[in-house]
Amino acid sequence: MERRDRLILVVEDEPGIRRFLAQLLRCEGYRVLSAGDVESALRAVFKDRPDLIVLDRFLPDAEGTEVCRRVRLDAALAPTPIQMLSACAPQDPEEQARLAADDYLSKPFEAEEVLSRVAGLLRDAGVRGPL
């Protein structure tokens, strides 16, 4: 499956960061949806079934962990890779495990790091074929 066939959902409440991530991923050939809160994110997740979710940990209506929890509870969506973003890094491996994300990236981040981690998560998921 090629990048243009991969759908990534970007969930970020800061419009500038959300636009930056969406544009960055589109320039790499991915299809991108975006949301600014948990409610919109969950609608997109269950309607569009993204191949990967880039998710801010702290959103205005709830923590991003609520999106993780709901995705992991749905058998069809549970394998969806989740890249968590936050200015507050988890303090220990137990806290990171509670977040239920596949990877965790602290803000600020470099564009190349985001792209590398997204590509790695999609490759590791393996369910939808190699890049």
C-alpha atoms as a PDB file:
ATOM      1  CA  MET A   1       0.000   0.000   0.000  1.00  0.00           C
ATOM      2  CA  GLU A   2       1.409   3.393  -0.971  1.00  0.00           C
ATOM      3  CA  ARG A   3       1.450   6.499   1.187  1.00  0.00           C
ATOM      4  CA  ARG A   4      -1.338   8.099  -0.839  1.00  0.00           C
ATOM      5  CA  ASP A   5      -3.529   5.190   0.250  1.00  0.00           C
ATOM      6  CA  ARG A   6      -2.791   5.791   3.958  1.00  0.00           C
ATOM      7  CA  LEU A   7      -5.187   7.926   5.966  1.00  0.00           C
ATOM      8  CA  ILE A   8      -3.825   9.743   9.015  1.00  0.00           C
ATOM      9  CA  LEU A   9      -5.992  11.532  11.568  1.00  0.00           C
ATOM     10  CA  VAL A  10      -4.284  14.509  13.249  1.00  0.00           C
ATOM     11  CA  VAL A  11      -5.926  15.466  16.561  1.00  0.00           C
ATOM     12  CA  GLU A  12      -4.519  18.718  17.934  1.00  0.00           C
ATOM     13  CA  ASP A  13      -6.308  21.645  19.589  1.00  0.00           C
ATOM     14  CA  GLU A  14      -3.735  24.281  18.587  1.00  0.00           C
ATOM     15  CA  PRO A  15      -4.713  25.302  15.025  1.00  0.00           C
ATOM     16  CA  GLY A  16      -1.173  26.251  13.996  1.00  0.00           C
ATOM     17  CA  ILE A  17       0.287  22.906  15.041  1.00  0.00           C
ATOM     18  CA  ARG A  18      -2.686  21.045  13.532  1.00  0.00           C
ATOM     19  CA  ARG A  19      -2.207  22.811  10.158  1.00  0.00           C
ATOM     20  CA  PHE A  20       1.553  22.257  10.275  1.00  0.00           C
ATOM     21  CA  LEU A  21       1.207  18.516  10.921  1.00  0.00           C
ATOM     22  CA  ALA A  22      -1.504  18.103   8.290  1.00  0.00           C
ATOM     23  CA  GLN A  23       0.565  19.922   5.663  1.00  0.00           C
ATOM     24  CA  LEU A  24       3.722  18.042   6.613  1.00  0.00           C
ATOM     25  CA  LEU A  25       1.995  14.687   6.203  1.00  0.00           C
ATOM     26  CA  ARG A  26       0.250  15.708   2.961  1.00  0.00           C
ATOM     27  CA  CYS A  27       3.606  16.778   1.504  1.00  0.00           C
ATOM     28  CA  GLU A  28       4.835  13.265   2.240  1.00  0.00           C
ATOM     29  CA  GLY A  29       1.930  11.840   0.265  1.00  0.00           C
ATOM     30  CA  TYR A  30      -0.450  10.808   3.043  1.00  0.00           C
ATOM     31  CA  ARG A  31      -4.171  11.575   3.068  1.00  0.00           C
ATOM     32  CA  VAL A  32      -4.974  13.588   6.193  1.00  0.00           C
ATOM     33  CA  LEU A  33      -8.040  14.361   8.295  1.00  0.00           C
ATOM     34  CA  SER A  34      -7.851  16.659  11.292  1.00  0.00           C
ATOM     35  CA  ALA A  35      -9.781  17.335  14.472  1.00  0.00           C
ATOM     36  CA  GLY A  36      -9.373  19.785  17.332  1.00  0.00           C
ATOM     37  CA  ASP A  37     -11.147  17.946  20.151  1.00  0.00           C
ATOM     38  CA  VAL A  38     -12.010  14.472  21.418  1.00  0.00           C
ATOM     39  CA  GLU A  39     -15.601  14.491  20.158  1.00  0.00           C
ATOM     40  CA  SER A  40     -14.577  15.353  16.580  1.00  0.00           C
ATOM     41  CA  ALA A  41     -11.707  12.893  16.741  1.00  0.00           C
ATOM     42  CA  LEU A  42     -13.943  10.011  17.795  1.00  0.00           C
ATOM     43  CA  ARG A  43     -16.439  10.794  15.026  1.00  0.00           C
ATOM     44  CA  ALA A  44     -13.601  10.685  12.480  1.00  0.00           C
ATOM     45  CA  VAL A  45     -12.120   7.503  13.960  1.00  0.00           C
ATOM     46  CA  PHE A  46     -15.347   5.533  13.787  1.00  0.00           C
ATOM     47  CA  LYS A  47     -16.495   6.957  10.447  1.00  0.00           C
ATOM     48  CA  ASP A  48     -13.238   7.053   8.463  1.00  0.00           C
ATOM     49  CA  ARG A  49     -11.121   4.322  10.124  1.00  0.00           C
ATOM     50  CA  PRO A  50      -7.700   6.021   9.816  1.00  0.00           C
ATOM     51  CA  ASP A  51      -4.543   3.969   9.368  1.00  0.00           C
ATOM     52  CA  LEU A  52      -2.801   5.996  12.094  1.00  0.00           C
ATOM     53  CA  ILE A  53      -3.733   8.647  14.654  1.00  0.00           C
ATOM     54  CA  VAL A  54      -1.427  11.519  15.654  1.00  0.00           C
ATOM     55  CA  LEU A  55      -2.953  12.610  18.948  1.00  0.00           C
ATOM     56  CA  ASP A  56      -2.329  15.500  21.324  1.00  0.00           C
ATOM     57  CA  ARG A  57      -2.468  14.311  24.922  1.00  0.00           C
ATOM     58  CA  PHE A  58      -4.332  17.336  26.291  1.00  0.00           C
ATOM     59  CA  LEU A  59      -7.419  18.514  24.411  1.00  0.00           C
ATOM     60  CA  PRO A  60     -10.058  21.080  25.425  1.00  0.00           C
ATOM     61  CA  ASP A  61     -12.934  18.661  26.062  1.00  0.00           C
ATOM     62  CA  ALA A  62     -10.992  15.705  27.536  1.00  0.00           C
ATOM     63  CA  GLU A  63      -7.580  14.097  27.521  1.00  0.00           C
ATOM     64  CA  GLY A  64      -6.417  12.413  24.339  1.00  0.00           C
ATOM     65  CA  THR A  65      -6.198   9.251  26.393  1.00  0.00           C
ATOM     66  CA  GLU A  66      -9.998   9.014  25.994  1.00  0.00           C
ATOM     67  CA  VAL A  67      -9.481   8.594  22.246  1.00  0.00           C
ATOM     68  CA  CYS A  68      -6.870   5.906  22.936  1.00  0.00           C
ATOM     69  CA  ARG A  69      -9.204   4.102  25.319  1.00  0.00           C
ATOM     70  CA  ARG A  70     -12.126   4.089  22.884  1.00  0.00           C
ATOM     71  CA  VAL A  71      -9.935   2.945  19.979  1.00  0.00           C
ATOM     72  CA  ARG A  72      -8.409   0.121  22.021  1.00  0.00           C
ATOM     73  CA  LEU A  73     -11.862  -1.088  23.148  1.00  0.00           C
ATOM     74  CA  ASP A  74     -13.067  -1.544  19.554  1.00  0.00           C
ATOM     75  CA  ALA A  75     -11.782  -4.857  18.172  1.00  0.00           C
ATOM     76  CA  ALA A  76     -11.657  -3.577  14.586  1.00  0.00           C
ATOM     77  CA  LEU A  77      -9.795  -0.402  15.555  1.00  0.00           C
ATOM     78  CA  ALA A  78      -7.595  -1.718  18.384  1.00  0.00           C
ATOM     79  CA  PRO A  79      -4.539  -2.316  16.156  1.00  0.00           C
ATOM     80  CA  THR A  80      -4.605   1.280  14.846  1.00  0.00           C
ATOM     81  CA  PRO A  81      -1.235   2.865  15.687  1.00  0.00           C
ATOM     82  CA  ILE A  82      -1.394   5.979  17.851  1.00  0.00           C
ATOM     83  CA  GLN A  83       1.390   8.580  17.999  1.00  0.00           C
ATOM     84  CA  MET A  84       0.835  10.658  21.150  1.00  0.00           C
ATOM     85  CA  LEU A  85       2.147  14.244  21.304  1.00  0.00           C
ATOM     86  CA  SER A  86       2.478  16.384  24.418  1.00  0.00           C
ATOM     87  CA  ALA A  87       4.496  19.136  26.021  1.00  0.00           C
ATOM     88  CA  CYS A  88       4.450  17.052  29.222  1.00  0.00           C
ATOM     89  CA  ALA A  89       6.455  13.864  28.843  1.00  0.00           C
ATOM     90  CA  PRO A  90       5.328  10.778  30.783  1.00  0.00           C
ATOM     91  CA  GLN A  91       7.318  10.389  33.966  1.00  0.00           C
ATOM     92  CA  ASP A  92       7.900   6.637  33.824  1.00  0.00           C
ATOM     93  CA  PRO A  93       7.173   3.532  31.703  1.00  0.00           C
ATOM     94  CA  GLU A  94       4.038   2.728  33.746  1.00  0.00           C
ATOM     95  CA  GLU A  95       2.554   6.142  32.993  1.00  0.00           C
ATOM     96  CA  GLN A  96       3.430   5.764  29.318  1.00  0.00           C
ATOM     97  CA  ALA A  97       1.725   2.342  29.260  1.00  0.00           C
ATOM     98  CA  ARG A  98      -1.429   3.841  30.801  1.00  0.00           C
ATOM     99  CA  LEU A  99      -1.621   6.283  27.893  1.00  0.00           C
ATOM    100  CA  ALA A 100      -2.283   3.310  25.561  1.00  0.00           C
ATOM    101  CA  ALA A 101      -0.404   4.956  22.687  1.00  0.00           C
ATOM    102  CA  ASP A 102       2.127   3.107  20.555  1.00  0.00           C
ATOM    103  CA  ASP A 103       4.664   5.917  20.667  1.00  0.00           C
ATOM    104  CA  TYR A 104       5.129   9.151  22.553  1.00  0.00           C
ATOM    105  CA  LEU A 105       6.760  12.307  21.193  1.00  0.00           C
ATOM    106  CA  SER A 106       7.394  15.408  23.306  1.00  0.00           C
ATOM    107  CA  LYS A 107       6.737  18.920  22.028  1.00  0.00           C
ATOM    108  CA  PRO A 108       8.504  20.753  20.560  1.00  0.00           C
ATOM    109  CA  PHE A 109       9.400  18.224  17.899  1.00  0.00           C
ATOM    110  CA  GLU A 110      11.240  18.244  14.589  1.00  0.00           C
ATOM    111  CA  ALA A 111       9.336  17.589  11.368  1.00  0.00           C
ATOM    112  CA  GLU A 112      11.749  14.810  10.398  1.00  0.00           C
ATOM    113  CA  GLU A 113      11.159  13.058  13.725  1.00  0.00           C
ATOM    114  CA  VAL A 114       7.384  13.093  13.250  1.00  0.00           C
ATOM    115  CA  LEU A 115       7.702  11.697   9.720  1.00  0.00           C
ATOM    116  CA  SER A 116      10.152   9.023  10.815  1.00  0.00           C
ATOM    117  CA  ARG A 117       7.955   7.867  13.688  1.00  0.00           C
ATOM    118  CA  VAL A 118       4.776   7.875  11.579  1.00  0.00           C
ATOM    119  CA  ALA A 119       6.471   5.794   8.876  1.00  0.00           C
ATOM    120  CA  GLY A 120       7.835   3.408  11.519  1.00  0.00           C
ATOM    121  CA  LEU A 121       4.462   2.944  13.210  1.00  0.00           C
ATOM    122  CA  LEU A 122       2.749   2.258   9.883  1.00  0.00           C
ATOM    123  CA  ARG A 123       5.480  -0.181   8.907  1.00  0.00           C
ATOM    124  CA  ASP A 124       5.380  -1.927  12.296  1.00  0.00           C
ATOM    125  CA  ALA A 125       1.583  -2.212  12.182  1.00  0.00           C
ATOM    126  CA  GLY A 126       2.075  -4.385   9.128  1.00  0.00           C
ATOM    127  CA  VAL A 127      -1.648  -4.967   8.809  1.00  0.00           C
ATOM    128  CA  ARG A 128      -1.989  -2.839   5.738  1.00  0.00           C
ATOM    129  CA  GLY A 129       1.235  -3.752   3.939  1.00  0.00           C
ATOM    130  CA  PRO A 130       4.637  -2.075   3.704  1.00  0.00           C
ATOM    131  CA  LEU A 131       5.219   1.509   2.603  1.00  0.00           C
END
